[in-house]
Amino acid sequence: MTHCFKIFPFVAAALLAGCDESVRLEYATKEDAESESVFAQGWLPEIIPPSSRRITMTNDLDLNKSEGEFRFEVSELDAFVRLLVRTRSEDIEGFSAYSYDDWIFWIRDSRDYCRFRMTLIPR
């Protein structure tokens, strides 16, 4: 009986780890992400700049949550920001926050790097 109690924590941890429904995706360019239907599936909005590159994201299918990052050309910043709403309450050090529907975008002050998070909230 003591042997069972020693094994139980390992079995429980393995089962919980197996329940993780998150998927990590990486794309070199926006075009690569488009070819994999990331935008059509709603895991990233099509409004990201055309030059977006080094796109990485983790999508949690259970929680309907996506988060990640990408880089883009500084010359496209103004056009990108015009599509967003400034959300100062979400600012973090070194990043300015913007929202778009269920998305928050944090654009680094250097203006060429963006982190993002989407959480679908039932309406």
PDB file of N, CA and C in Angstrom:
ATOM      1  N   MET A   1       0.824  -1.193   0.000  1.00  0.00           N
ATOM      2  CA  MET A   1       0.000   0.000   0.000  1.00  0.00           C
ATOM      3  C   MET A   1       0.870   1.260   0.000  1.00  0.00           C
ATOM      4  N   THR A   2       1.957   1.282   0.751  1.00  0.00           N
ATOM      5  CA  THR A   2       2.851   2.435   0.799  1.00  0.00           C
ATOM      6  C   THR A   2       3.440   2.718  -0.566  1.00  0.00           C
ATOM      7  N   HIS A   3       3.706   1.680  -1.321  1.00  0.00           N
ATOM      8  CA  HIS A   3       4.258   1.820  -2.664  1.00  0.00           C
ATOM      9  C   HIS A   3       3.310   2.632  -3.558  1.00  0.00           C
ATOM     10  N   CYS A   4       2.003   2.415  -3.439  1.00  0.00           N
ATOM     11  CA  CYS A   4       1.007   3.140  -4.242  1.00  0.00           C
ATOM     12  C   CYS A   4       1.030   4.628  -3.942  1.00  0.00           C
ATOM     13  N   PHE A   5       1.197   4.977  -2.661  1.00  0.00           N
ATOM     14  CA  PHE A   5       1.218   6.386  -2.283  1.00  0.00           C
ATOM     15  C   PHE A   5       2.461   7.089  -2.819  1.00  0.00           C
ATOM     16  N   LYS A   6       3.556   6.362  -3.002  1.00  0.00           N
ATOM     17  CA  LYS A   6       4.785   6.950  -3.536  1.00  0.00           C
ATOM     18  C   LYS A   6       4.655   7.192  -5.040  1.00  0.00           C
ATOM     19  N   ILE A   7       3.926   6.348  -5.724  1.00  0.00           N
ATOM     20  CA  ILE A   7       3.768   6.471  -7.170  1.00  0.00           C
ATOM     21  C   ILE A   7       2.686   7.471  -7.546  1.00  0.00           C
ATOM     22  N   PHE A   8       1.670   7.648  -6.728  1.00  0.00           N
ATOM     23  CA  PHE A   8       0.519   8.492  -7.057  1.00  0.00           C
ATOM     24  C   PHE A   8       0.900   9.907  -7.502  1.00  0.00           C
ATOM     25  N   PRO A   9       1.795  10.632  -6.806  1.00  0.00           N
ATOM     26  CA  PRO A   9       2.124  11.999  -7.257  1.00  0.00           C
ATOM     27  C   PRO A   9       2.692  12.041  -8.678  1.00  0.00           C
ATOM     28  N   PHE A  10       3.472  11.024  -9.053  1.00  0.00           N
ATOM     29  CA  PHE A  10       4.055  10.996 -10.390  1.00  0.00           C
ATOM     30  C   PHE A  10       2.990  10.723 -11.449  1.00  0.00           C
ATOM     31  N   VAL A  11       2.069   9.828 -11.144  1.00  0.00           N
ATOM     32  CA  VAL A  11       0.979   9.524 -12.072  1.00  0.00           C
ATOM     33  C   VAL A  11       0.077  10.738 -12.231  1.00  0.00           C
ATOM     34  N   ALA A  12      -0.259  11.399 -11.126  1.00  0.00           N
ATOM     35  CA  ALA A  12      -1.113  12.585 -11.180  1.00  0.00           C
ATOM     36  C   ALA A  12      -0.452  13.690 -12.001  1.00  0.00           C
ATOM     37  N   ALA A  13       0.831  13.904 -11.804  1.00  0.00           N
ATOM     38  CA  ALA A  13       1.552  14.937 -12.564  1.00  0.00           C
ATOM     39  C   ALA A  13       1.560  14.603 -14.052  1.00  0.00           C
ATOM     40  N   ALA A  14       1.753  13.348 -14.393  1.00  0.00           N
ATOM     41  CA  ALA A  14       1.767  12.939 -15.804  1.00  0.00           C
ATOM     42  C   ALA A  14       0.405  13.153 -16.439  1.00  0.00           C
ATOM     43  N   LEU A  15      -0.654  12.844 -15.710  1.00  0.00           N
ATOM     44  CA  LEU A  15      -2.004  13.035 -16.249  1.00  0.00           C
ATOM     45  C   LEU A  15      -2.311  14.513 -16.450  1.00  0.00           C
ATOM     46  N   LEU A  16      -1.932  15.336 -15.489  1.00  0.00           N
ATOM     47  CA  LEU A  16      -2.178  16.773 -15.630  1.00  0.00           C
ATOM     48  C   LEU A  16      -1.375  17.353 -16.789  1.00  0.00           C
ATOM     49  N   ALA A  17      -0.159  16.932 -16.963  1.00  0.00           N
ATOM     50  CA  ALA A  17       0.662  17.419 -18.072  1.00  0.00           C
ATOM     51  C   ALA A  17       0.064  17.012 -19.403  1.00  0.00           C
ATOM     52  N   GLY A  18      -0.543  15.857 -19.473  1.00  0.00           N
ATOM     53  CA  GLY A  18      -1.162  15.369 -20.695  1.00  0.00           C
ATOM     54  C   GLY A  18      -2.427  16.120 -21.053  1.00  0.00           C
ATOM     55  N   CYS A  19      -2.989  16.875 -20.121  1.00  0.00           N
ATOM     56  CA  CYS A  19      -4.224  17.618 -20.359  1.00  0.00           C
ATOM     57  C   CYS A  19      -3.964  19.001 -20.940  1.00  0.00           C
ATOM     58  N   ASP A  20      -2.730  19.384 -21.080  1.00  0.00           N
ATOM     59  CA  ASP A  20      -2.384  20.699 -21.604  1.00  0.00           C
ATOM     60  C   ASP A  20      -2.811  20.780 -23.063  1.00  0.00           C
ATOM     61  N   GLU A  21      -3.668  21.727 -23.373  1.00  0.00           N
ATOM     62  CA  GLU A  21      -4.179  21.891 -24.735  1.00  0.00           C
ATOM     63  C   GLU A  21      -3.533  23.086 -25.434  1.00  0.00           C
ATOM     64  N   SER A  22      -2.320  23.465 -25.040  1.00  0.00           N
ATOM     65  CA  SER A  22      -1.679  24.602 -25.684  1.00  0.00           C
ATOM     66  C   SER A  22      -0.793  24.117 -26.829  1.00  0.00           C
ATOM     67  N   VAL A  23      -0.726  24.960 -27.851  1.00  0.00           N
ATOM     68  CA  VAL A  23       0.035  24.655 -29.057  1.00  0.00           C
ATOM     69  C   VAL A  23       0.957  25.835 -29.336  1.00  0.00           C
ATOM     70  N   ARG A  24       2.234  25.560 -29.513  1.00  0.00           N
ATOM     71  CA  ARG A  24       3.201  26.617 -29.834  1.00  0.00           C
ATOM     72  C   ARG A  24       3.428  26.622 -31.340  1.00  0.00           C
ATOM     73  N   LEU A  25       3.337  27.810 -31.923  1.00  0.00           N
ATOM     74  CA  LEU A  25       3.519  27.970 -33.361  1.00  0.00           C
ATOM     75  C   LEU A  25       4.585  29.022 -33.618  1.00  0.00           C
ATOM     76  N   GLU A  26       5.358  28.822 -34.676  1.00  0.00           N
ATOM     77  CA  GLU A  26       6.395  29.776 -35.070  1.00  0.00           C
ATOM     78  C   GLU A  26       6.352  29.962 -36.579  1.00  0.00           C
ATOM     79  N   TYR A  27       6.469  31.221 -37.004  1.00  0.00           N
ATOM     80  CA  TYR A  27       6.455  31.541 -38.431  1.00  0.00           C
ATOM     81  C   TYR A  27       7.534  32.578 -38.712  1.00  0.00           C
ATOM     82  N   ALA A  28       8.221  32.413 -39.806  1.00  0.00           N
ATOM     83  CA  ALA A  28       9.264  33.356 -40.194  1.00  0.00           C
ATOM     84  C   ALA A  28       8.665  34.679 -40.651  1.00  0.00           C
ATOM     85  N   THR A  29       7.516  34.622 -41.343  1.00  0.00           N
ATOM     86  CA  THR A  29       6.894  35.827 -41.899  1.00  0.00           C
ATOM     87  C   THR A  29       5.377  35.761 -41.756  1.00  0.00           C
ATOM     88  N   LYS A  30       4.737  36.888 -42.005  1.00  0.00           N
ATOM     89  CA  LYS A  30       3.274  36.929 -41.993  1.00  0.00           C
ATOM     90  C   LYS A  30       2.714  36.022 -43.088  1.00  0.00           C
ATOM     91  N   GLU A  31       3.371  35.985 -44.234  1.00  0.00           N
ATOM     92  CA  GLU A  31       2.924  35.129 -45.336  1.00  0.00           C
ATOM     93  C   GLU A  31       2.933  33.655 -44.926  1.00  0.00           C
ATOM     94  N   ASP A  32       3.954  33.251 -44.173  1.00  0.00           N
ATOM     95  CA  ASP A  32       4.012  31.867 -43.690  1.00  0.00           C
ATOM     96  C   ASP A  32       2.834  31.577 -42.759  1.00  0.00           C
ATOM     97  N   ALA A  33       2.511  32.522 -41.902  1.00  0.00           N
ATOM     98  CA  ALA A  33       1.373  32.351 -40.981  1.00  0.00           C
ATOM     99  C   ALA A  33       0.069  32.272 -41.769  1.00  0.00           C
ATOM    100  N   GLU A  34      -0.053  33.101 -42.806  1.00  0.00           N
ATOM    101  CA  GLU A  34      -1.257  33.070 -43.646  1.00  0.00           C
ATOM    102  C   GLU A  34      -1.413  31.706 -44.320  1.00  0.00           C
ATOM    103  N   SER A  35      -0.326  31.137 -44.770  1.00  0.00           N
ATOM    104  CA  SER A  35      -0.402  29.847 -45.463  1.00  0.00           C
ATOM    105  C   SER A  35      -0.859  28.724 -44.528  1.00  0.00           C
ATOM    106  N   GLU A  36      -0.709  28.917 -43.236  1.00  0.00           N
ATOM    107  CA  GLU A  36      -1.149  27.928 -42.248  1.00  0.00           C
ATOM    108  C   GLU A  36      -2.528  28.275 -41.668  1.00  0.00           C
ATOM    109  N   SER A  37      -3.196  29.279 -42.237  1.00  0.00           N
ATOM    110  CA  SER A  37      -4.555  29.688 -41.833  1.00  0.00           C
ATOM    111  C   SER A  37      -4.649  30.206 -40.404  1.00  0.00           C
ATOM    112  N   VAL A  38      -3.571  30.752 -39.862  1.00  0.00           N
ATOM    113  CA  VAL A  38      -3.580  31.285 -38.501  1.00  0.00           C
ATOM    114  C   VAL A  38      -4.604  32.416 -38.367  1.00  0.00           C
ATOM    115  N   PHE A  39      -4.701  33.253 -39.383  1.00  0.00           N
ATOM    116  CA  PHE A  39      -5.627  34.386 -39.328  1.00  0.00           C
ATOM    117  C   PHE A  39      -7.066  33.910 -39.489  1.00  0.00           C
ATOM    118  N   ALA A  40      -7.300  33.009 -40.406  1.00  0.00           N
ATOM    119  CA  ALA A  40      -8.645  32.479 -40.638  1.00  0.00           C
ATOM    120  C   ALA A  40      -9.168  31.744 -39.412  1.00  0.00           C
ATOM    121  N   GLN A  41      -8.279  31.113 -38.655  1.00  0.00           N
ATOM    122  CA  GLN A  41      -8.681  30.394 -37.449  1.00  0.00           C
ATOM    123  C   GLN A  41      -8.855  31.317 -36.248  1.00  0.00           C
ATOM    124  N   GLY A  42      -8.477  32.587 -36.393  1.00  0.00           N
ATOM    125  CA  GLY A  42      -8.648  33.554 -35.316  1.00  0.00           C
ATOM    126  C   GLY A  42      -7.560  33.581 -34.276  1.00  0.00           C
ATOM    127  N   TRP A  43      -6.428  32.946 -34.559  1.00  0.00           N
ATOM    128  CA  TRP A  43      -5.341  32.927 -33.590  1.00  0.00           C
ATOM    129  C   TRP A  43      -4.455  34.165 -33.673  1.00  0.00           C
ATOM    130  N   LEU A  44      -4.673  34.976 -34.673  1.00  0.00           N
ATOM    131  CA  LEU A  44      -3.947  36.232 -34.824  1.00  0.00           C
ATOM    132  C   LEU A  44      -4.757  37.093 -35.784  1.00  0.00           C
ATOM    133  N   PRO A  45      -4.940  38.389 -35.474  1.00  0.00           N
ATOM    134  CA  PRO A  45      -5.722  39.225 -36.395  1.00  0.00           C
ATOM    135  C   PRO A  45      -4.906  39.631 -37.617  1.00  0.00           C
ATOM    136  N   GLU A  46      -5.580  39.756 -38.726  1.00  0.00           N
ATOM    137  CA  GLU A  46      -4.908  40.098 -39.985  1.00  0.00           C
ATOM    138  C   GLU A  46      -4.330  41.502 -39.993  1.00  0.00           C
ATOM    139  N   ILE A  47      -4.647  42.305 -38.985  1.00  0.00           N
ATOM    140  CA  ILE A  47      -4.188  43.701 -38.970  1.00  0.00           C
ATOM    141  C   ILE A  47      -2.706  43.861 -38.647  1.00  0.00           C
ATOM    142  N   ILE A  48      -2.023  42.777 -38.265  1.00  0.00           N
ATOM    143  CA  ILE A  48      -0.602  42.956 -37.952  1.00  0.00           C
ATOM    144  C   ILE A  48       0.115  43.447 -39.213  1.00  0.00           C
ATOM    145  N   PRO A  49       1.188  44.194 -39.033  1.00  0.00           N
ATOM    146  CA  PRO A  49       1.868  44.785 -40.188  1.00  0.00           C
ATOM    147  C   PRO A  49       2.299  43.738 -41.229  1.00  0.00           C
ATOM    148  N   PRO A  50       2.272  44.123 -42.505  1.00  0.00           N
ATOM    149  CA  PRO A  50       2.690  43.204 -43.575  1.00  0.00           C
ATOM    150  C   PRO A  50       4.112  42.677 -43.394  1.00  0.00           C
ATOM    151  N   SER A  51       4.992  43.483 -42.805  1.00  0.00           N
ATOM    152  CA  SER A  51       6.390  43.067 -42.634  1.00  0.00           C
ATOM    153  C   SER A  51       6.603  42.183 -41.407  1.00  0.00           C
ATOM    154  N   SER A  52       5.539  41.827 -40.703  1.00  0.00           N
ATOM    155  CA  SER A  52       5.683  41.026 -39.477  1.00  0.00           C
ATOM    156  C   SER A  52       6.511  39.779 -39.745  1.00  0.00           C
ATOM    157  N   ARG A  53       7.440  39.516 -38.834  1.00  0.00           N
ATOM    158  CA  ARG A  53       8.350  38.391 -38.984  1.00  0.00           C
ATOM    159  C   ARG A  53       8.680  37.850 -37.598  1.00  0.00           C
ATOM    160  N   ARG A  54       9.318  36.674 -37.586  1.00  0.00           N
ATOM    161  CA  ARG A  54       9.666  36.028 -36.313  1.00  0.00           C
ATOM    162  C   ARG A  54       8.446  35.981 -35.392  1.00  0.00           C
ATOM    163  N   ILE A  55       7.353  35.498 -35.949  1.00  0.00           N
ATOM    164  CA  ILE A  55       6.086  35.417 -35.221  1.00  0.00           C
ATOM    165  C   ILE A  55       6.083  34.123 -34.412  1.00  0.00           C
ATOM    166  N   THR A  56       5.899  34.259 -33.126  1.00  0.00           N
ATOM    167  CA  THR A  56       5.746  33.084 -32.272  1.00  0.00           C
ATOM    168  C   THR A  56       4.486  33.274 -31.453  1.00  0.00           C
ATOM    169  N   MET A  57       3.795  32.179 -31.204  1.00  0.00           N
ATOM    170  CA  MET A  57       2.586  32.264 -30.388  1.00  0.00           C
ATOM    171  C   MET A  57       2.324  30.932 -29.717  1.00  0.00           C
ATOM    172  N   THR A  58       1.647  31.039 -28.600  1.00  0.00           N
ATOM    173  CA  THR A  58       1.163  29.862 -27.896  1.00  0.00           C
ATOM    174  C   THR A  58      -0.338  30.012 -27.791  1.00  0.00           C
ATOM    175  N   ASN A  59      -1.054  29.043 -28.305  1.00  0.00           N
ATOM    176  CA  ASN A  59      -2.519  29.066 -28.291  1.00  0.00           C
ATOM    177  C   ASN A  59      -3.016  28.004 -27.325  1.00  0.00           C
ATOM    178  N   ASP A  60      -3.843  28.415 -26.385  1.00  0.00           N
ATOM    179  CA  ASP A  60      -4.443  27.482 -25.438  1.00  0.00           C
ATOM    180  C   ASP A  60      -5.869  27.214 -25.888  1.00  0.00           C
ATOM    181  N   LEU A  61      -6.104  26.030 -26.399  1.00  0.00           N
ATOM    182  CA  LEU A  61      -7.395  25.675 -26.972  1.00  0.00           C
ATOM    183  C   LEU A  61      -8.484  25.573 -25.914  1.00  0.00           C
ATOM    184  N   ASP A  62      -8.132  25.169 -24.697  1.00  0.00           N
ATOM    185  CA  ASP A  62      -9.121  25.066 -23.623  1.00  0.00           C
ATOM    186  C   ASP A  62      -9.605  26.430 -23.164  1.00  0.00           C
ATOM    187  N   LEU A  63      -8.686  27.374 -23.064  1.00  0.00           N
ATOM    188  CA  LEU A  63      -9.006  28.696 -22.530  1.00  0.00           C
ATOM    189  C   LEU A  63      -9.310  29.734 -23.613  1.00  0.00           C
ATOM    190  N   ASN A  64      -9.238  29.346 -24.893  1.00  0.00           N
ATOM    191  CA  ASN A  64      -9.408  30.290 -26.005  1.00  0.00           C
ATOM    192  C   ASN A  64      -8.501  31.502 -25.808  1.00  0.00           C
ATOM    193  N   LYS A  65      -7.226  31.233 -25.637  1.00  0.00           N
ATOM    194  CA  LYS A  65      -6.254  32.276 -25.364  1.00  0.00           C
ATOM    195  C   LYS A  65      -5.071  32.111 -26.306  1.00  0.00           C
ATOM    196  N   SER A  66      -4.568  33.221 -26.797  1.00  0.00           N
ATOM    197  CA  SER A  66      -3.392  33.215 -27.650  1.00  0.00           C
ATOM    198  C   SER A  66      -2.459  34.309 -27.154  1.00  0.00           C
ATOM    199  N   GLU A  67      -1.170  34.020 -27.107  1.00  0.00           N
ATOM    200  CA  GLU A  67      -0.205  35.054 -26.753  1.00  0.00           C
ATOM    201  C   GLU A  67       1.088  34.782 -27.488  1.00  0.00           C
ATOM    202  N   GLY A  68       1.794  35.861 -27.747  1.00  0.00           N
ATOM    203  CA  GLY A  68       3.032  35.693 -28.483  1.00  0.00           C
ATOM    204  C   GLY A  68       3.709  37.011 -28.765  1.00  0.00           C
ATOM    205  N   GLU A  69       4.489  37.006 -29.843  1.00  0.00           N
ATOM    206  CA  GLU A  69       5.277  38.190 -30.184  1.00  0.00           C
ATOM    207  C   GLU A  69       5.634  38.164 -31.661  1.00  0.00           C
ATOM    208  N   PHE A  70       6.011  39.332 -32.167  1.00  0.00           N
ATOM    209  CA  PHE A  70       6.525  39.438 -33.523  1.00  0.00           C
ATOM    210  C   PHE A  70       7.322  40.718 -33.660  1.00  0.00           C
ATOM    211  N   ARG A  71       8.112  40.776 -34.705  1.00  0.00           N
ATOM    212  CA  ARG A  71       8.878  41.975 -35.054  1.00  0.00           C
ATOM    213  C   ARG A  71       8.315  42.518 -36.359  1.00  0.00           C
ATOM    214  N   PHE A  72       8.550  43.791 -36.614  1.00  0.00           N
ATOM    215  CA  PHE A  72       8.059  44.405 -37.851  1.00  0.00           C
ATOM    216  C   PHE A  72       8.885  45.638 -38.166  1.00  0.00           C
ATOM    217  N   GLU A  73       8.716  46.145 -39.383  1.00  0.00           N
ATOM    218  CA  GLU A  73       9.453  47.333 -39.817  1.00  0.00           C
ATOM    219  C   GLU A  73       8.873  48.578 -39.144  1.00  0.00           C
ATOM    220  N   VAL A  74       9.744  49.413 -38.602  1.00  0.00           N
ATOM    221  CA  VAL A  74       9.317  50.635 -37.912  1.00  0.00           C
ATOM    222  C   VAL A  74       8.478  51.516 -38.835  1.00  0.00           C
ATOM    223  N   SER A  75       8.751  51.480 -40.122  1.00  0.00           N
ATOM    224  CA  SER A  75       8.013  52.317 -41.081  1.00  0.00           C
ATOM    225  C   SER A  75       6.523  51.970 -41.127  1.00  0.00           C
ATOM    226  N   GLU A  76       6.126  50.808 -40.627  1.00  0.00           N
ATOM    227  CA  GLU A  76       4.715  50.396 -40.642  1.00  0.00           C
ATOM    228  C   GLU A  76       4.006  50.652 -39.315  1.00  0.00           C
ATOM    229  N   LEU A  77       4.719  51.207 -38.356  1.00  0.00           N
ATOM    230  CA  LEU A  77       4.139  51.421 -37.029  1.00  0.00           C
ATOM    231  C   LEU A  77       2.910  52.314 -37.066  1.00  0.00           C
ATOM    232  N   ASP A  78       2.995  53.466 -37.705  1.00  0.00           N
ATOM    233  CA  ASP A  78       1.870  54.410 -37.696  1.00  0.00           C
ATOM    234  C   ASP A  78       0.608  53.803 -38.298  1.00  0.00           C
ATOM    235  N   ALA A  79       0.741  53.100 -39.409  1.00  0.00           N
ATOM    236  CA  ALA A  79      -0.432  52.464 -40.032  1.00  0.00           C
ATOM    237  C   ALA A  79      -1.015  51.405 -39.106  1.00  0.00           C
ATOM    238  N   PHE A  80      -0.182  50.641 -38.411  1.00  0.00           N
ATOM    239  CA  PHE A  80      -0.636  49.612 -37.477  1.00  0.00           C
ATOM    240  C   PHE A  80      -1.384  50.254 -36.299  1.00  0.00           C
ATOM    241  N   VAL A  81      -0.773  51.267 -35.704  1.00  0.00           N
ATOM    242  CA  VAL A  81      -1.356  51.914 -34.523  1.00  0.00           C
ATOM    243  C   VAL A  81      -2.692  52.594 -34.849  1.00  0.00           C
ATOM    244  N   ARG A  82      -2.867  53.079 -36.078  1.00  0.00           N
ATOM    245  CA  ARG A  82      -4.148  53.698 -36.462  1.00  0.00           C
ATOM    246  C   ARG A  82      -5.315  52.711 -36.379  1.00  0.00           C
ATOM    247  N   LEU A  83      -5.034  51.423 -36.447  1.00  0.00           N
ATOM    248  CA  LEU A  83      -6.078  50.400 -36.364  1.00  0.00           C
ATOM    249  C   LEU A  83      -6.406  50.011 -34.923  1.00  0.00           C
ATOM    250  N   LEU A  84      -5.633  50.534 -33.978  1.00  0.00           N
ATOM    251  CA  LEU A  84      -5.736  50.136 -32.579  1.00  0.00           C
ATOM    252  C   LEU A  84      -6.275  51.273 -31.714  1.00  0.00           C
ATOM    253  N   VAL A  85      -6.646  50.939 -30.500  1.00  0.00           N
ATOM    254  CA  VAL A  85      -7.094  51.933 -29.515  1.00  0.00           C
ATOM    255  C   VAL A  85      -6.069  51.955 -28.387  1.00  0.00           C
ATOM    256  N   ARG A  86      -5.565  53.149 -28.081  1.00  0.00           N
ATOM    257  CA  ARG A  86      -4.566  53.293 -27.005  1.00  0.00           C
ATOM    258  C   ARG A  86      -5.199  52.897 -25.679  1.00  0.00           C
ATOM    259  N   THR A  87      -4.506  52.057 -24.918  1.00  0.00           N
ATOM    260  CA  THR A  87      -5.022  51.531 -23.653  1.00  0.00           C
ATOM    261  C   THR A  87      -3.964  51.741 -22.575  1.00  0.00           C
ATOM    262  N   ARG A  88      -3.838  52.968 -22.108  1.00  0.00           N
ATOM    263  CA  ARG A  88      -2.778  53.315 -21.155  1.00  0.00           C
ATOM    264  C   ARG A  88      -2.823  52.481 -19.877  1.00  0.00           C
ATOM    265  N   SER A  89      -3.991  52.065 -19.462  1.00  0.00           N
ATOM    266  CA  SER A  89      -4.111  51.282 -18.221  1.00  0.00           C
ATOM    267  C   SER A  89      -3.400  49.934 -18.313  1.00  0.00           C
ATOM    268  N   GLU A  90      -3.085  49.479 -19.522  1.00  0.00           N
ATOM    269  CA  GLU A  90      -2.406  48.203 -19.730  1.00  0.00           C
ATOM    270  C   GLU A  90      -0.914  48.365 -20.025  1.00  0.00           C
ATOM    271  N   ASP A  91      -0.412  49.604 -20.015  1.00  0.00           N
ATOM    272  CA  ASP A  91       1.011  49.829 -20.284  1.00  0.00           C
ATOM    273  C   ASP A  91       1.875  49.039 -19.305  1.00  0.00           C
ATOM    274  N   ILE A  92       3.001  48.549 -19.799  1.00  0.00           N
ATOM    275  CA  ILE A  92       4.019  47.953 -18.934  1.00  0.00           C
ATOM    276  C   ILE A  92       5.342  48.619 -19.269  1.00  0.00           C
ATOM    277  N   GLU A  93       6.282  48.550 -18.374  1.00  0.00           N
ATOM    278  CA  GLU A  93       7.538  49.272 -18.544  1.00  0.00           C
ATOM    279  C   GLU A  93       8.200  48.960 -19.885  1.00  0.00           C
ATOM    280  N   GLY A  94       8.449  50.015 -20.638  1.00  0.00           N
ATOM    281  CA  GLY A  94       9.111  49.866 -21.935  1.00  0.00           C
ATOM    282  C   GLY A  94       8.174  49.544 -23.082  1.00  0.00           C
ATOM    283  N   PHE A  95       6.880  49.390 -22.800  1.00  0.00           N
ATOM    284  CA  PHE A  95       5.891  49.040 -23.813  1.00  0.00           C
ATOM    285  C   PHE A  95       4.646  49.912 -23.663  1.00  0.00           C
ATOM    286  N   SER A  96       4.075  50.300 -24.793  1.00  0.00           N
ATOM    287  CA  SER A  96       2.798  51.004 -24.810  1.00  0.00           C
ATOM    288  C   SER A  96       1.720  50.007 -25.234  1.00  0.00           C
ATOM    289  N   ALA A  97       0.571  50.063 -24.558  1.00  0.00           N
ATOM    290  CA  ALA A  97      -0.493  49.086 -24.809  1.00  0.00           C
ATOM    291  C   ALA A  97      -1.578  49.661 -25.715  1.00  0.00           C
ATOM    292  N   TYR A  98      -2.083  48.787 -26.578  1.00  0.00           N
ATOM    293  CA  TYR A  98      -3.165  49.122 -27.493  1.00  0.00           C
ATOM    294  C   TYR A  98      -4.130  47.949 -27.532  1.00  0.00           C
ATOM    295  N   SER A  99      -5.395  48.233 -27.804  1.00  0.00           N
ATOM    296  CA  SER A  99      -6.358  47.132 -27.896  1.00  0.00           C
ATOM    297  C   SER A  99      -6.984  47.096 -29.289  1.00  0.00           C
ATOM    298  N   TYR A 100      -7.488  45.926 -29.605  1.00  0.00           N
ATOM    299  CA  TYR A 100      -8.215  45.678 -30.851  1.00  0.00           C
ATOM    300  C   TYR A 100      -9.130  44.493 -30.573  1.00  0.00           C
ATOM    301  N   ASP A 101     -10.425  44.739 -30.475  1.00  0.00           N
ATOM    302  CA  ASP A 101     -11.384  43.693 -30.103  1.00  0.00           C
ATOM    303  C   ASP A 101     -10.914  42.986 -28.830  1.00  0.00           C
ATOM    304  N   ASP A 102     -10.699  41.682 -28.890  1.00  0.00           N
ATOM    305  CA  ASP A 102     -10.289  40.904 -27.722  1.00  0.00           C
ATOM    306  C   ASP A 102      -8.768  40.850 -27.563  1.00  0.00           C
ATOM    307  N   TRP A 103      -8.052  41.663 -28.304  1.00  0.00           N
ATOM    308  CA  TRP A 103      -6.593  41.622 -28.331  1.00  0.00           C
ATOM    309  C   TRP A 103      -5.980  42.793 -27.588  1.00  0.00           C
ATOM    310  N   ILE A 104      -4.857  42.561 -26.947  1.00  0.00           N
ATOM    311  CA  ILE A 104      -4.003  43.619 -26.407  1.00  0.00           C
ATOM    312  C   ILE A 104      -2.652  43.469 -27.095  1.00  0.00           C
ATOM    313  N   PHE A 105      -2.140  44.565 -27.611  1.00  0.00           N
ATOM    314  CA  PHE A 105      -0.818  44.612 -28.238  1.00  0.00           C
ATOM    315  C   PHE A 105       0.065  45.531 -27.410  1.00  0.00           C
ATOM    316  N   TRP A 106       1.233  45.042 -27.029  1.00  0.00           N
ATOM    317  CA  TRP A 106       2.218  45.867 -26.341  1.00  0.00           C
ATOM    318  C   TRP A 106       3.341  46.134 -27.319  1.00  0.00           C
ATOM    319  N   ILE A 107       3.487  47.395 -27.696  1.00  0.00           N
ATOM    320  CA  ILE A 107       4.528  47.766 -28.664  1.00  0.00           C
ATOM    321  C   ILE A 107       5.686  48.386 -27.895  1.00  0.00           C
ATOM    322  N   ARG A 108       6.860  47.804 -28.091  1.00  0.00           N
ATOM    323  CA  ARG A 108       8.049  48.287 -27.392  1.00  0.00           C
ATOM    324  C   ARG A 108       8.369  49.708 -27.835  1.00  0.00           C
ATOM    325  N   ASP A 109       8.885  50.458 -26.911  1.00  0.00           N
ATOM    326  CA  ASP A 109       9.217  51.855 -27.194  1.00  0.00           C
ATOM    327  C   ASP A 109      10.191  52.007 -28.354  1.00  0.00           C
ATOM    328  N   SER A 110      10.965  50.980 -28.665  1.00  0.00           N
ATOM    329  CA  SER A 110      11.867  51.042 -29.817  1.00  0.00           C
ATOM    330  C   SER A 110      11.092  50.929 -31.125  1.00  0.00           C
ATOM    331  N   ARG A 111       9.795  50.560 -31.036  1.00  0.00           N
ATOM    332  CA  ARG A 111       8.829  50.616 -32.133  1.00  0.00           C
ATOM    333  C   ARG A 111       8.975  49.533 -33.205  1.00  0.00           C
ATOM    334  N   ASP A 112       9.697  48.460 -32.931  1.00  0.00           N
ATOM    335  CA  ASP A 112       9.856  47.415 -33.950  1.00  0.00           C
ATOM    336  C   ASP A 112       9.521  46.022 -33.421  1.00  0.00           C
ATOM    337  N   TYR A 113       8.961  45.967 -32.225  1.00  0.00           N
ATOM    338  CA  TYR A 113       8.702  44.688 -31.566  1.00  0.00           C
ATOM    339  C   TYR A 113       7.354  44.769 -30.852  1.00  0.00           C
ATOM    340  N   CYS A 114       6.573  43.706 -30.960  1.00  0.00           N
ATOM    341  CA  CYS A 114       5.237  43.699 -30.371  1.00  0.00           C
ATOM    342  C   CYS A 114       4.967  42.374 -29.670  1.00  0.00           C
ATOM    343  N   ARG A 115       4.422  42.459 -28.483  1.00  0.00           N
ATOM    344  CA  ARG A 115       3.894  41.294 -27.778  1.00  0.00           C
ATOM    345  C   ARG A 115       2.378  41.401 -27.838  1.00  0.00           C
ATOM    346  N   PHE A 116       1.702  40.267 -27.788  1.00  0.00           N
ATOM    347  CA  PHE A 116       0.242  40.309 -27.869  1.00  0.00           C
ATOM    348  C   PHE A 116      -0.390  39.230 -27.015  1.00  0.00           C
ATOM    349  N   ARG A 117      -1.655  39.461 -26.711  1.00  0.00           N
ATOM    350  CA  ARG A 117      -2.453  38.474 -25.986  1.00  0.00           C
ATOM    351  C   ARG A 117      -3.906  38.627 -26.405  1.00  0.00           C
ATOM    352  N   MET A 118      -4.558  37.517 -26.603  1.00  0.00           N
ATOM    353  CA  MET A 118      -5.990  37.504 -26.915  1.00  0.00           C
ATOM    354  C   MET A 118      -6.644  36.530 -25.950  1.00  0.00           C
ATOM    355  N   THR A 119      -7.735  36.985 -25.357  1.00  0.00           N
ATOM    356  CA  THR A 119      -8.552  36.114 -24.530  1.00  0.00           C
ATOM    357  C   THR A 119      -9.984  36.328 -24.951  1.00  0.00           C
ATOM    358  N   LEU A 120     -10.615  35.284 -25.428  1.00  0.00           N
ATOM    359  CA  LEU A 120     -12.021  35.393 -25.820  1.00  0.00           C
ATOM    360  C   LEU A 120     -12.886  35.404 -24.571  1.00  0.00           C
ATOM    361  N   ILE A 121     -13.664  36.446 -24.455  1.00  0.00           N
ATOM    362  CA  ILE A 121     -14.582  36.578 -23.318  1.00  0.00           C
ATOM    363  C   ILE A 121     -15.980  36.352 -23.856  1.00  0.00           C
ATOM    364  N   PRO A 122     -16.707  35.382 -23.291  1.00  0.00           N
ATOM    365  CA  PRO A 122     -18.085  35.149 -23.784  1.00  0.00           C
ATOM    366  C   PRO A 122     -18.917  36.428 -23.669  1.00  0.00           C
ATOM    367  N   ARG A 123     -19.635  36.721 -24.717  1.00  0.00           N
ATOM    368  CA  ARG A 123     -20.465  37.944 -24.735  1.00  0.00           C
ATOM    369  C   ARG A 123     -21.918  37.583 -24.665  1.00  0.00           C
TER     370      ARG A 123
END
